[in-house]
């Protein structure tokens, strides 16, 4: 199956395929996004508007965006390392920097 067709699973009201993950939810991505969003909100430092509990951690500089982006990337790679994805979701050359597992990808269903 061509990858671009696998991306259209939701539009065709189907389930399965290489991007289906866990009932349509990428739990690794959601977990890393939630943790990094919470960390970013706690690091915000906008005087007069909003200041998170850790807003003064960098001496008054707002480091919320770079810190949350780096945290999300590191956490997502760590979760991919701990909970590998099936080998079939990667290109023919295989994954880089992370392991994969030999489990089948769910077939497309109506």
N, C-alpha and C. Protein backbone atom coordinates (compact mmCIF):
# COMPACT_ATOMS: atom_id res chain seq x y z
N UNK A 1 0.85 -1.18 0.00
CA UNK A 1 0.00 0.00 0.00
C UNK A 1 0.89 1.24 0.00
N UNK A 2 0.49 2.22 -0.75
CA UNK A 2 1.23 3.47 -0.84
C UNK A 2 0.98 4.27 0.43
N UNK A 3 2.02 4.96 0.91
CA UNK A 3 1.92 5.69 2.18
C UNK A 3 0.86 6.77 2.15
N UNK A 4 0.71 7.47 1.04
CA UNK A 4 -0.28 8.57 1.02
C UNK A 4 -1.69 8.04 1.18
N UNK A 5 -1.96 6.80 0.73
CA UNK A 5 -3.27 6.22 0.95
C UNK A 5 -3.47 5.85 2.42
N UNK A 6 -2.39 5.45 3.08
CA UNK A 6 -2.48 5.11 4.50
C UNK A 6 -2.76 6.34 5.35
N UNK A 7 -2.38 7.52 4.87
CA UNK A 7 -2.67 8.75 5.61
C UNK A 7 -4.14 9.15 5.52
N UNK A 8 -4.85 8.63 4.54
CA UNK A 8 -6.25 9.01 4.32
C UNK A 8 -7.24 8.06 4.98
N UNK A 9 -6.81 7.26 5.91
CA UNK A 9 -7.68 6.28 6.57
C UNK A 9 -8.88 6.96 7.21
N UNK A 10 -8.67 8.06 7.93
CA UNK A 10 -9.78 8.74 8.61
C UNK A 10 -10.77 9.32 7.61
N UNK A 11 -10.26 9.88 6.52
CA UNK A 11 -11.14 10.49 5.52
C UNK A 11 -12.04 9.47 4.84
N UNK A 12 -11.57 8.24 4.70
CA UNK A 12 -12.36 7.19 4.05
C UNK A 12 -13.15 6.37 5.06
N UNK A 13 -13.16 6.78 6.32
CA UNK A 13 -13.88 6.08 7.39
C UNK A 13 -13.43 4.61 7.53
N UNK A 14 -12.11 4.42 7.46
CA UNK A 14 -11.53 3.10 7.64
C UNK A 14 -10.71 3.08 8.93
N UNK A 15 -10.27 1.90 9.30
CA UNK A 15 -9.36 1.75 10.42
C UNK A 15 -8.19 0.89 9.97
N UNK A 16 -7.10 0.93 10.73
CA UNK A 16 -5.93 0.12 10.42
C UNK A 16 -4.91 0.88 9.60
N UNK A 17 -3.88 0.19 9.19
CA UNK A 17 -2.82 0.79 8.40
C UNK A 17 -1.62 1.17 9.25
N UNK A 18 -0.59 1.64 8.57
CA UNK A 18 0.68 1.92 9.24
C UNK A 18 0.63 3.09 10.21
N UNK A 19 -0.32 4.00 10.07
CA UNK A 19 -0.41 5.16 10.96
C UNK A 19 -1.56 5.05 11.95
N UNK A 20 -2.13 3.88 12.11
CA UNK A 20 -3.30 3.72 12.98
C UNK A 20 -2.90 3.68 14.45
N UNK A 21 -1.72 3.22 14.78
CA UNK A 21 -1.19 3.15 16.15
C UNK A 21 -2.12 2.37 17.06
N UNK A 22 -2.64 2.97 18.12
CA UNK A 22 -3.48 2.28 19.10
C UNK A 22 -4.89 2.84 19.01
N UNK A 23 -5.74 2.23 18.23
CA UNK A 23 -7.11 2.68 17.99
C UNK A 23 -7.13 4.12 17.47
N UNK A 24 -6.17 4.47 16.66
CA UNK A 24 -6.11 5.79 16.07
C UNK A 24 -5.35 6.82 16.88
N UNK A 25 -4.83 6.45 18.03
CA UNK A 25 -4.12 7.38 18.91
C UNK A 25 -2.65 6.99 18.99
N UNK A 26 -1.77 7.93 18.77
CA UNK A 26 -0.34 7.71 18.95
C UNK A 26 -0.03 8.06 20.40
N UNK A 27 -0.05 7.06 21.26
CA UNK A 27 0.11 7.29 22.70
C UNK A 27 1.48 7.85 23.04
N UNK A 28 2.51 7.46 22.29
CA UNK A 28 3.85 8.01 22.54
C UNK A 28 3.85 9.52 22.27
N UNK A 29 3.27 9.90 21.16
CA UNK A 29 3.21 11.31 20.80
C UNK A 29 2.35 12.12 21.76
N UNK A 30 1.21 11.57 22.14
CA UNK A 30 0.32 12.28 23.05
C UNK A 30 0.97 12.46 24.43
N UNK A 31 1.63 11.41 24.92
CA UNK A 31 2.27 11.51 26.23
C UNK A 31 3.39 12.55 26.22
N UNK A 32 4.22 12.53 25.17
CA UNK A 32 5.31 13.51 25.12
C UNK A 32 4.77 14.92 24.94
N UNK A 33 3.70 15.08 24.18
CA UNK A 33 3.10 16.41 24.00
C UNK A 33 2.50 16.93 25.31
N UNK A 34 1.77 16.10 26.03
CA UNK A 34 1.15 16.54 27.29
C UNK A 34 2.19 16.93 28.33
N UNK A 35 3.23 16.12 28.47
CA UNK A 35 4.27 16.43 29.45
C UNK A 35 5.01 17.70 29.07
N UNK A 36 5.36 17.85 27.80
CA UNK A 36 6.10 19.05 27.40
C UNK A 36 5.22 20.29 27.43
N UNK A 37 3.93 20.17 27.16
CA UNK A 37 3.04 21.32 27.26
C UNK A 37 2.90 21.78 28.72
N UNK A 38 2.79 20.83 29.63
CA UNK A 38 2.72 21.19 31.05
C UNK A 38 4.02 21.84 31.51
N UNK A 39 5.15 21.30 31.07
CA UNK A 39 6.44 21.90 31.44
C UNK A 39 6.58 23.29 30.84
N UNK A 40 6.14 23.47 29.59
CA UNK A 40 6.21 24.78 28.95
C UNK A 40 5.34 25.80 29.66
N UNK A 41 4.15 25.41 30.08
CA UNK A 41 3.28 26.34 30.81
C UNK A 41 3.87 26.71 32.17
N UNK A 42 4.55 25.78 32.78
CA UNK A 42 5.13 26.11 34.08
C UNK A 42 6.37 26.99 33.95
N UNK A 43 6.99 27.05 32.77
CA UNK A 43 8.18 27.86 32.55
C UNK A 43 7.89 29.23 31.94
N UNK A 44 6.64 29.52 31.64
CA UNK A 44 6.29 30.80 31.00
C UNK A 44 6.62 31.96 31.94
N UNK A 45 7.20 33.03 31.35
CA UNK A 45 7.49 34.24 32.13
C UNK A 45 7.15 35.46 31.27
N UNK A 46 5.90 35.89 31.36
CA UNK A 46 5.44 37.10 30.67
C UNK A 46 4.92 38.05 31.74
N UNK A 47 5.77 38.91 32.27
CA UNK A 47 5.36 39.80 33.37
C UNK A 47 4.12 40.61 33.00
N UNK A 48 3.20 40.68 33.94
CA UNK A 48 1.96 41.41 33.74
C UNK A 48 0.87 40.61 33.06
N UNK A 49 1.22 39.45 32.48
CA UNK A 49 0.21 38.63 31.82
C UNK A 49 0.09 37.26 32.46
N UNK A 50 1.18 36.50 32.43
CA UNK A 50 1.16 35.16 33.00
C UNK A 50 2.58 34.77 33.38
N UNK A 51 2.69 34.16 34.54
CA UNK A 51 3.98 33.64 34.98
C UNK A 51 3.75 32.29 35.62
N UNK A 52 4.42 31.29 35.08
CA UNK A 52 4.31 29.94 35.62
C UNK A 52 5.10 29.80 36.90
N UNK A 53 4.90 28.71 37.63
CA UNK A 53 5.60 28.51 38.89
C UNK A 53 7.12 28.46 38.75
N UNK A 54 7.61 28.07 37.58
CA UNK A 54 9.06 28.03 37.34
C UNK A 54 9.49 29.13 36.38
N UNK A 55 8.71 30.19 36.28
CA UNK A 55 8.96 31.26 35.32
C UNK A 55 10.25 32.01 35.53
N UNK A 56 10.74 32.10 36.76
CA UNK A 56 11.98 32.82 37.05
C UNK A 56 13.20 31.91 37.07
N UNK A 57 13.06 30.71 36.54
CA UNK A 57 14.15 29.76 36.57
C UNK A 57 15.36 30.25 35.77
N UNK A 58 15.13 31.02 34.71
CA UNK A 58 16.23 31.51 33.87
C UNK A 58 16.49 32.99 34.10
N UNK A 59 16.21 33.47 35.27
CA UNK A 59 16.50 34.86 35.60
C UNK A 59 15.63 35.87 34.86
N UNK A 60 14.38 35.54 34.63
CA UNK A 60 13.46 36.46 33.97
C UNK A 60 13.31 36.25 32.48
N UNK A 61 14.08 35.35 31.90
CA UNK A 61 13.98 35.07 30.47
C UNK A 61 12.95 33.96 30.26
N UNK A 62 12.07 34.14 29.28
CA UNK A 62 11.05 33.14 28.98
C UNK A 62 11.66 32.02 28.14
N UNK A 63 11.90 30.90 28.76
CA UNK A 63 12.49 29.75 28.07
C UNK A 63 11.47 28.65 27.80
N UNK A 64 10.19 28.99 27.90
CA UNK A 64 9.15 27.97 27.81
C UNK A 64 9.13 27.27 26.46
N UNK A 65 9.23 28.00 25.36
CA UNK A 65 9.14 27.37 24.05
C UNK A 65 10.34 26.48 23.75
N UNK A 66 11.58 26.97 23.84
CA UNK A 66 12.69 26.06 23.55
C UNK A 66 12.77 24.87 24.50
N UNK A 67 12.46 25.11 25.77
CA UNK A 67 12.52 24.00 26.73
C UNK A 67 11.47 22.94 26.41
N UNK A 68 10.26 23.37 26.08
CA UNK A 68 9.21 22.38 25.79
C UNK A 68 9.46 21.66 24.47
N UNK A 69 10.04 22.34 23.47
CA UNK A 69 10.36 21.67 22.21
C UNK A 69 11.44 20.60 22.40
N UNK A 70 12.48 20.95 23.15
CA UNK A 70 13.55 19.99 23.40
C UNK A 70 13.04 18.82 24.24
N UNK A 71 12.24 19.12 25.26
CA UNK A 71 11.68 18.07 26.10
C UNK A 71 10.80 17.13 25.30
N UNK A 72 9.96 17.67 24.43
CA UNK A 72 9.07 16.83 23.61
C UNK A 72 9.88 15.91 22.70
N UNK A 73 10.92 16.43 22.07
CA UNK A 73 11.74 15.62 21.17
C UNK A 73 12.45 14.51 21.92
N UNK A 74 13.05 14.84 23.04
CA UNK A 74 13.79 13.84 23.82
C UNK A 74 12.85 12.79 24.40
N UNK A 75 11.71 13.24 24.91
CA UNK A 75 10.75 12.31 25.49
C UNK A 75 10.16 11.38 24.43
N UNK A 76 9.85 11.92 23.24
CA UNK A 76 9.29 11.09 22.18
C UNK A 76 10.31 10.04 21.72
N UNK A 77 11.57 10.44 21.54
CA UNK A 77 12.60 9.46 21.17
C UNK A 77 12.80 8.42 22.26
N UNK A 78 12.73 8.85 23.52
CA UNK A 78 12.85 7.89 24.63
C UNK A 78 11.69 6.90 24.66
N UNK A 79 10.48 7.39 24.41
CA UNK A 79 9.32 6.49 24.38
C UNK A 79 9.38 5.54 23.18
N UNK A 80 9.91 6.03 22.05
CA UNK A 80 10.09 5.13 20.91
C UNK A 80 11.14 4.07 21.21
N UNK A 81 12.13 4.42 22.00
CA UNK A 81 13.15 3.45 22.38
C UNK A 81 12.58 2.40 23.33
N UNK A 82 11.75 2.84 24.28
CA UNK A 82 11.17 1.90 25.25
C UNK A 82 10.04 1.06 24.66
N UNK A 83 9.24 1.68 23.79
CA UNK A 83 8.08 1.01 23.19
C UNK A 83 8.20 1.12 21.67
N UNK A 84 8.99 0.25 21.03
CA UNK A 84 9.27 0.37 19.61
C UNK A 84 8.03 0.18 18.74
N UNK A 85 8.07 0.79 17.57
CA UNK A 85 7.00 0.64 16.59
C UNK A 85 7.31 -0.53 15.67
N UNK A 86 6.29 -1.04 14.96
CA UNK A 86 6.54 -2.14 14.02
C UNK A 86 7.49 -1.73 12.91
N UNK A 87 8.29 -2.67 12.45
CA UNK A 87 9.27 -2.41 11.40
C UNK A 87 8.62 -1.95 10.09
N UNK A 88 7.39 -2.35 9.84
CA UNK A 88 6.71 -2.03 8.58
C UNK A 88 6.35 -0.55 8.46
N UNK A 89 6.35 0.22 9.54
CA UNK A 89 6.00 1.64 9.43
C UNK A 89 7.19 2.49 8.99
N UNK A 90 8.37 1.91 8.95
CA UNK A 90 9.57 2.63 8.55
C UNK A 90 9.86 2.39 7.07
N UNK A 91 10.69 3.23 6.44
CA UNK A 91 11.06 2.99 5.06
C UNK A 91 11.89 1.71 4.93
N UNK A 92 12.19 1.35 3.70
CA UNK A 92 12.92 0.09 3.45
C UNK A 92 14.28 0.06 4.14
N UNK A 93 14.92 1.22 4.31
CA UNK A 93 16.23 1.26 4.96
C UNK A 93 16.12 0.97 6.46
N UNK A 94 14.94 1.04 7.02
CA UNK A 94 14.75 0.76 8.44
C UNK A 94 14.83 2.03 9.27
N UNK A 95 14.59 1.91 10.56
CA UNK A 95 14.61 3.09 11.42
C UNK A 95 16.03 3.56 11.71
N UNK A 96 16.15 4.85 12.04
CA UNK A 96 17.44 5.40 12.48
C UNK A 96 17.34 5.71 13.96
N UNK A 97 18.36 5.44 14.70
CA UNK A 97 18.52 5.83 16.12
C UNK A 97 17.59 5.11 17.09
N UNK A 98 16.60 4.37 16.63
CA UNK A 98 15.66 3.70 17.54
C UNK A 98 15.46 2.26 17.08
N UNK A 99 15.10 1.37 18.01
CA UNK A 99 14.82 -0.01 17.60
C UNK A 99 13.41 -0.12 17.02
N UNK A 100 13.14 -1.25 16.41
CA UNK A 100 11.79 -1.55 15.92
C UNK A 100 11.48 -2.99 16.30
N UNK A 101 10.23 -3.36 16.16
CA UNK A 101 9.84 -4.72 16.51
C UNK A 101 9.21 -5.40 15.30
N UNK A 102 9.21 -6.71 15.32
CA UNK A 102 8.68 -7.49 14.20
C UNK A 102 7.23 -7.90 14.47
N UNK A 103 6.35 -6.93 14.52
CA UNK A 103 4.93 -7.22 14.66
C UNK A 103 4.21 -6.71 13.42
N UNK A 104 3.13 -7.36 13.03
CA UNK A 104 2.42 -6.93 11.83
C UNK A 104 1.66 -5.62 12.06
N UNK A 105 1.47 -4.90 10.97
CA UNK A 105 0.67 -3.69 10.98
C UNK A 105 -0.78 -4.09 10.75
N UNK A 106 -1.70 -3.45 11.48
CA UNK A 106 -3.13 -3.79 11.32
C UNK A 106 -3.59 -3.50 9.90
N UNK A 107 -4.29 -4.44 9.28
CA UNK A 107 -4.76 -4.20 7.91
C UNK A 107 -5.88 -3.15 7.89
N UNK A 108 -6.09 -2.56 6.74
CA UNK A 108 -7.18 -1.58 6.59
C UNK A 108 -8.52 -2.30 6.64
N UNK A 109 -9.45 -1.73 7.39
CA UNK A 109 -10.80 -2.29 7.52
C UNK A 109 -11.83 -1.20 7.34
N UNK A 110 -12.98 -1.56 6.89
CA UNK A 110 -14.08 -0.59 6.74
C UNK A 110 -14.77 -0.35 8.05
